Amino acid sequence: MPAFHHFIFTEEEFKMGKKKAEEQLTNNIRKLRFFKDEMTQQALADAVGVSRQTIVAIEKAKYSPSLELAFKIARVFDTPLEEVFSYENPNTES
């Protein structure tokens, strides 16, 4: 018999899970590609081992990359991770 896992979330955790990635994680990948001899999305995808569609989704903030992929992308541009990606918590006031 398969094991069933029950998860109990607070209302805030549930709401955070529903928030779109673009509300939290932003990136400068498009700009970095432009300044790296107008690198194509395909060239970046090949360099980090993912599909072009994955790069498109990350650039559009439709997909948040794994930590490993984020570091690989930063390494391609020889740029610190925090200059490629930034996290904005929409629940904190600036």
N, C-alpha and C. Protein backbone atom coordinates (compact mmCIF):
# COMPACT_ATOMS: atom_id res chain seq x y z
N MET A 1 0.85 -1.18 0.00
CA MET A 1 0.00 0.00 0.00
C MET A 1 0.89 1.24 0.00
N PRO A 2 0.65 2.20 -0.90
CA PRO A 2 1.50 3.39 -0.96
C PRO A 2 1.32 4.26 0.27
N ALA A 3 2.39 4.93 0.62
CA ALA A 3 2.34 5.85 1.77
C ALA A 3 1.75 7.17 1.31
N PHE A 4 0.89 7.74 2.14
CA PHE A 4 0.30 9.03 1.83
C PHE A 4 0.88 10.06 2.78
N HIS A 5 1.22 11.20 2.23
CA HIS A 5 1.77 12.28 3.03
C HIS A 5 0.74 13.39 3.12
N HIS A 6 0.52 13.84 4.31
CA HIS A 6 -0.40 14.95 4.51
C HIS A 6 0.40 16.17 4.91
N PHE A 7 0.12 17.26 4.26
CA PHE A 7 0.83 18.50 4.55
C PHE A 7 -0.17 19.51 5.09
N ILE A 8 0.20 20.16 6.15
CA ILE A 8 -0.63 21.20 6.72
C ILE A 8 0.11 22.51 6.55
N PHE A 9 -0.54 23.46 5.87
CA PHE A 9 0.06 24.75 5.60
C PHE A 9 -0.67 25.83 6.36
N THR A 10 0.07 26.81 6.81
CA THR A 10 -0.58 27.99 7.36
C THR A 10 -1.16 28.76 6.18
N GLU A 11 -2.06 29.69 6.44
CA GLU A 11 -2.64 30.48 5.36
C GLU A 11 -1.57 31.25 4.61
N GLU A 12 -0.58 31.78 5.35
CA GLU A 12 0.49 32.54 4.70
C GLU A 12 1.34 31.65 3.81
N GLU A 13 1.67 30.44 4.27
CA GLU A 13 2.45 29.51 3.44
C GLU A 13 1.68 29.13 2.19
N PHE A 14 0.38 28.93 2.33
CA PHE A 14 -0.45 28.59 1.17
C PHE A 14 -0.44 29.73 0.16
N LYS A 15 -0.58 30.96 0.65
CA LYS A 15 -0.57 32.12 -0.24
C LYS A 15 0.78 32.27 -0.92
N MET A 16 1.88 32.04 -0.18
CA MET A 16 3.22 32.15 -0.77
C MET A 16 3.38 31.14 -1.89
N GLY A 17 2.86 29.93 -1.71
CA GLY A 17 2.95 28.90 -2.72
C GLY A 17 2.21 29.27 -3.99
N LYS A 18 1.21 30.11 -3.89
CA LYS A 18 0.41 30.49 -5.04
C LYS A 18 0.96 31.72 -5.75
N LYS A 19 1.88 32.44 -5.13
CA LYS A 19 2.41 33.65 -5.75
C LYS A 19 3.24 33.30 -6.97
N LYS A 20 3.20 34.15 -7.95
CA LYS A 20 3.97 33.93 -9.17
C LYS A 20 5.44 34.24 -8.91
N ALA A 21 6.31 33.55 -9.66
CA ALA A 21 7.74 33.74 -9.49
C ALA A 21 8.16 35.17 -9.75
N GLU A 22 7.50 35.86 -10.70
CA GLU A 22 7.93 37.20 -11.03
C GLU A 22 7.70 38.19 -9.90
N GLU A 23 6.90 37.84 -8.94
CA GLU A 23 6.69 38.71 -7.79
C GLU A 23 7.86 38.63 -6.82
N GLN A 24 8.71 37.62 -6.97
CA GLN A 24 9.76 37.39 -6.00
C GLN A 24 11.16 37.39 -6.60
N LEU A 25 11.35 36.63 -7.63
CA LEU A 25 12.69 36.47 -8.20
C LEU A 25 12.77 37.22 -9.52
N THR A 26 13.70 38.16 -9.60
CA THR A 26 13.91 38.89 -10.84
C THR A 26 15.32 38.58 -11.34
N ASN A 27 15.58 38.89 -12.59
CA ASN A 27 16.90 38.59 -13.13
C ASN A 27 17.31 39.61 -14.18
N ASN A 28 18.61 39.61 -14.46
CA ASN A 28 19.21 40.50 -15.46
C ASN A 28 19.79 39.71 -16.62
N ILE A 29 19.27 38.52 -16.87
CA ILE A 29 19.86 37.64 -17.88
C ILE A 29 19.83 38.27 -19.27
N ARG A 30 18.72 38.85 -19.64
CA ARG A 30 18.64 39.43 -20.98
C ARG A 30 19.70 40.51 -21.17
N LYS A 31 19.85 41.37 -20.19
CA LYS A 31 20.85 42.44 -20.27
C LYS A 31 22.26 41.85 -20.30
N LEU A 32 22.51 40.84 -19.47
CA LEU A 32 23.83 40.21 -19.45
C LEU A 32 24.15 39.54 -20.78
N ARG A 33 23.16 38.92 -21.40
CA ARG A 33 23.37 38.31 -22.72
C ARG A 33 23.73 39.37 -23.75
N PHE A 34 23.04 40.50 -23.68
CA PHE A 34 23.30 41.59 -24.63
C PHE A 34 24.75 42.07 -24.52
N PHE A 35 25.22 42.24 -23.27
CA PHE A 35 26.58 42.74 -23.07
C PHE A 35 27.65 41.67 -23.27
N LYS A 36 27.24 40.43 -23.42
CA LYS A 36 28.20 39.36 -23.72
C LYS A 36 28.10 39.04 -25.21
N ASP A 37 28.42 40.02 -26.01
CA ASP A 37 28.41 39.89 -27.47
C ASP A 37 27.05 39.42 -28.00
N GLU A 38 25.99 39.94 -27.39
CA GLU A 38 24.63 39.60 -27.79
C GLU A 38 24.42 38.09 -27.86
N MET A 39 24.84 37.41 -26.81
CA MET A 39 24.70 35.96 -26.69
C MET A 39 23.23 35.57 -26.89
N THR A 40 23.01 34.51 -27.64
CA THR A 40 21.63 34.06 -27.87
C THR A 40 21.15 33.23 -26.68
N GLN A 41 19.84 33.09 -26.60
CA GLN A 41 19.27 32.24 -25.57
C GLN A 41 19.74 30.80 -25.77
N GLN A 42 19.85 30.38 -27.02
CA GLN A 42 20.31 29.02 -27.30
C GLN A 42 21.75 28.82 -26.85
N ALA A 43 22.60 29.80 -27.08
CA ALA A 43 24.00 29.68 -26.65
C ALA A 43 24.09 29.57 -25.13
N LEU A 44 23.30 30.36 -24.42
CA LEU A 44 23.29 30.27 -22.96
C LEU A 44 22.75 28.92 -22.52
N ALA A 45 21.68 28.47 -23.15
CA ALA A 45 21.11 27.17 -22.82
C ALA A 45 22.13 26.06 -23.00
N ASP A 46 22.85 26.10 -24.11
CA ASP A 46 23.88 25.09 -24.37
C ASP A 46 24.98 25.15 -23.32
N ALA A 47 25.35 26.35 -22.92
CA ALA A 47 26.44 26.52 -21.95
C ALA A 47 26.09 25.98 -20.57
N VAL A 48 24.81 26.01 -20.22
CA VAL A 48 24.41 25.55 -18.88
C VAL A 48 23.67 24.22 -18.90
N GLY A 49 23.43 23.67 -20.09
CA GLY A 49 22.85 22.34 -20.19
C GLY A 49 21.34 22.25 -20.02
N VAL A 50 20.63 23.27 -20.51
CA VAL A 50 19.16 23.23 -20.48
C VAL A 50 18.63 23.59 -21.86
N SER A 51 17.33 23.56 -22.01
CA SER A 51 16.73 23.93 -23.29
C SER A 51 16.60 25.45 -23.41
N ARG A 52 16.46 25.91 -24.64
CA ARG A 52 16.25 27.34 -24.87
C ARG A 52 14.96 27.78 -24.19
N GLN A 53 13.95 26.91 -24.21
CA GLN A 53 12.67 27.24 -23.58
C GLN A 53 12.82 27.48 -22.09
N THR A 54 13.73 26.78 -21.45
CA THR A 54 13.98 27.00 -20.03
C THR A 54 14.56 28.38 -19.81
N ILE A 55 15.50 28.78 -20.65
CA ILE A 55 16.08 30.13 -20.54
C ILE A 55 15.01 31.19 -20.76
N VAL A 56 14.15 30.98 -21.75
CA VAL A 56 13.05 31.91 -22.02
C VAL A 56 12.18 32.06 -20.77
N ALA A 57 11.81 30.94 -20.16
CA ALA A 57 10.94 30.97 -18.98
C ALA A 57 11.62 31.66 -17.80
N ILE A 58 12.91 31.44 -17.62
CA ILE A 58 13.64 32.09 -16.53
C ILE A 58 13.70 33.59 -16.79
N GLU A 59 14.06 33.98 -18.01
CA GLU A 59 14.13 35.41 -18.34
C GLU A 59 12.81 36.12 -18.11
N LYS A 60 11.71 35.45 -18.43
CA LYS A 60 10.38 36.04 -18.27
C LYS A 60 9.83 35.89 -16.85
N ALA A 61 10.65 35.32 -15.95
CA ALA A 61 10.26 35.08 -14.56
C ALA A 61 9.03 34.18 -14.45
N LYS A 62 8.91 33.26 -15.39
CA LYS A 62 7.84 32.27 -15.33
C LYS A 62 8.32 31.00 -14.63
N TYR A 63 9.64 30.90 -14.48
CA TYR A 63 10.24 29.71 -13.88
C TYR A 63 11.42 30.15 -13.04
N SER A 64 11.51 29.64 -11.83
CA SER A 64 12.66 29.93 -10.97
C SER A 64 13.65 28.79 -11.10
N PRO A 65 14.88 29.09 -11.46
CA PRO A 65 15.87 28.02 -11.66
C PRO A 65 16.29 27.41 -10.33
N SER A 66 16.80 26.19 -10.41
CA SER A 66 17.38 25.57 -9.22
C SER A 66 18.61 26.39 -8.82
N LEU A 67 19.05 26.21 -7.62
CA LEU A 67 20.24 26.93 -7.16
C LEU A 67 21.45 26.57 -8.01
N GLU A 68 21.56 25.30 -8.36
CA GLU A 68 22.67 24.86 -9.20
C GLU A 68 22.64 25.56 -10.56
N LEU A 69 21.47 25.63 -11.18
CA LEU A 69 21.36 26.28 -12.48
C LEU A 69 21.62 27.77 -12.36
N ALA A 70 21.16 28.39 -11.30
CA ALA A 70 21.41 29.82 -11.09
C ALA A 70 22.92 30.09 -11.03
N PHE A 71 23.65 29.25 -10.31
CA PHE A 71 25.10 29.42 -10.22
C PHE A 71 25.76 29.19 -11.58
N LYS A 72 25.29 28.21 -12.34
CA LYS A 72 25.85 27.96 -13.67
C LYS A 72 25.65 29.18 -14.58
N ILE A 73 24.47 29.76 -14.52
CA ILE A 73 24.19 30.95 -15.34
C ILE A 73 25.10 32.09 -14.94
N ALA A 74 25.25 32.32 -13.65
CA ALA A 74 26.13 33.39 -13.17
C ALA A 74 27.57 33.15 -13.62
N ARG A 75 27.99 31.91 -13.60
CA ARG A 75 29.37 31.57 -13.98
C ARG A 75 29.61 31.86 -15.46
N VAL A 76 28.61 31.61 -16.31
CA VAL A 76 28.75 31.90 -17.75
C VAL A 76 29.08 33.37 -17.95
N PHE A 77 28.44 34.23 -17.16
CA PHE A 77 28.66 35.67 -17.30
C PHE A 77 29.79 36.19 -16.41
N ASP A 78 30.44 35.28 -15.69
CA ASP A 78 31.52 35.66 -14.77
C ASP A 78 31.05 36.81 -13.87
N THR A 79 29.86 36.61 -13.32
CA THR A 79 29.19 37.64 -12.54
C THR A 79 28.68 37.02 -11.24
N PRO A 80 28.76 37.74 -10.12
CA PRO A 80 28.22 37.20 -8.87
C PRO A 80 26.72 36.90 -9.00
N LEU A 81 26.29 35.86 -8.34
CA LEU A 81 24.90 35.42 -8.40
C LEU A 81 23.92 36.55 -8.13
N GLU A 82 24.22 37.38 -7.14
CA GLU A 82 23.28 38.45 -6.77
C GLU A 82 23.21 39.57 -7.81
N GLU A 83 24.12 39.57 -8.78
CA GLU A 83 24.01 40.52 -9.88
C GLU A 83 23.23 39.95 -11.07
N VAL A 84 23.00 38.65 -11.03
CA VAL A 84 22.19 38.00 -12.05
C VAL A 84 20.74 37.89 -11.57
N PHE A 85 20.58 37.45 -10.33
CA PHE A 85 19.25 37.26 -9.75
C PHE A 85 19.11 38.09 -8.50
N SER A 86 17.89 38.56 -8.26
CA SER A 86 17.60 39.22 -6.99
C SER A 86 16.24 38.76 -6.50
N TYR A 87 16.12 38.68 -5.21
CA TYR A 87 14.88 38.23 -4.59
C TYR A 87 14.19 39.41 -3.93
N GLU A 88 12.96 39.62 -4.29
CA GLU A 88 12.16 40.68 -3.71
C GLU A 88 11.03 40.04 -2.94
N ASN A 89 10.96 40.29 -1.65
CA ASN A 89 9.85 39.77 -0.86
C ASN A 89 8.72 40.80 -0.92
N PRO A 90 7.62 40.45 -1.58
CA PRO A 90 6.54 41.42 -1.74
C PRO A 90 5.83 41.75 -0.44
N ASN A 91 6.10 40.99 0.61
CA ASN A 91 5.43 41.24 1.90
C ASN A 91 6.18 42.20 2.79
N THR A 92 7.40 42.61 2.37
CA THR A 92 8.16 43.55 3.19
C THR A 92 8.12 44.91 2.55
N GLU A 93 8.06 45.91 3.38
CA GLU A 93 8.05 47.29 2.86
C GLU A 93 9.47 47.77 2.68
N SER A 94 9.69 48.52 1.62
CA SER A 94 11.04 49.05 1.34
C SER A 94 11.19 50.44 1.90
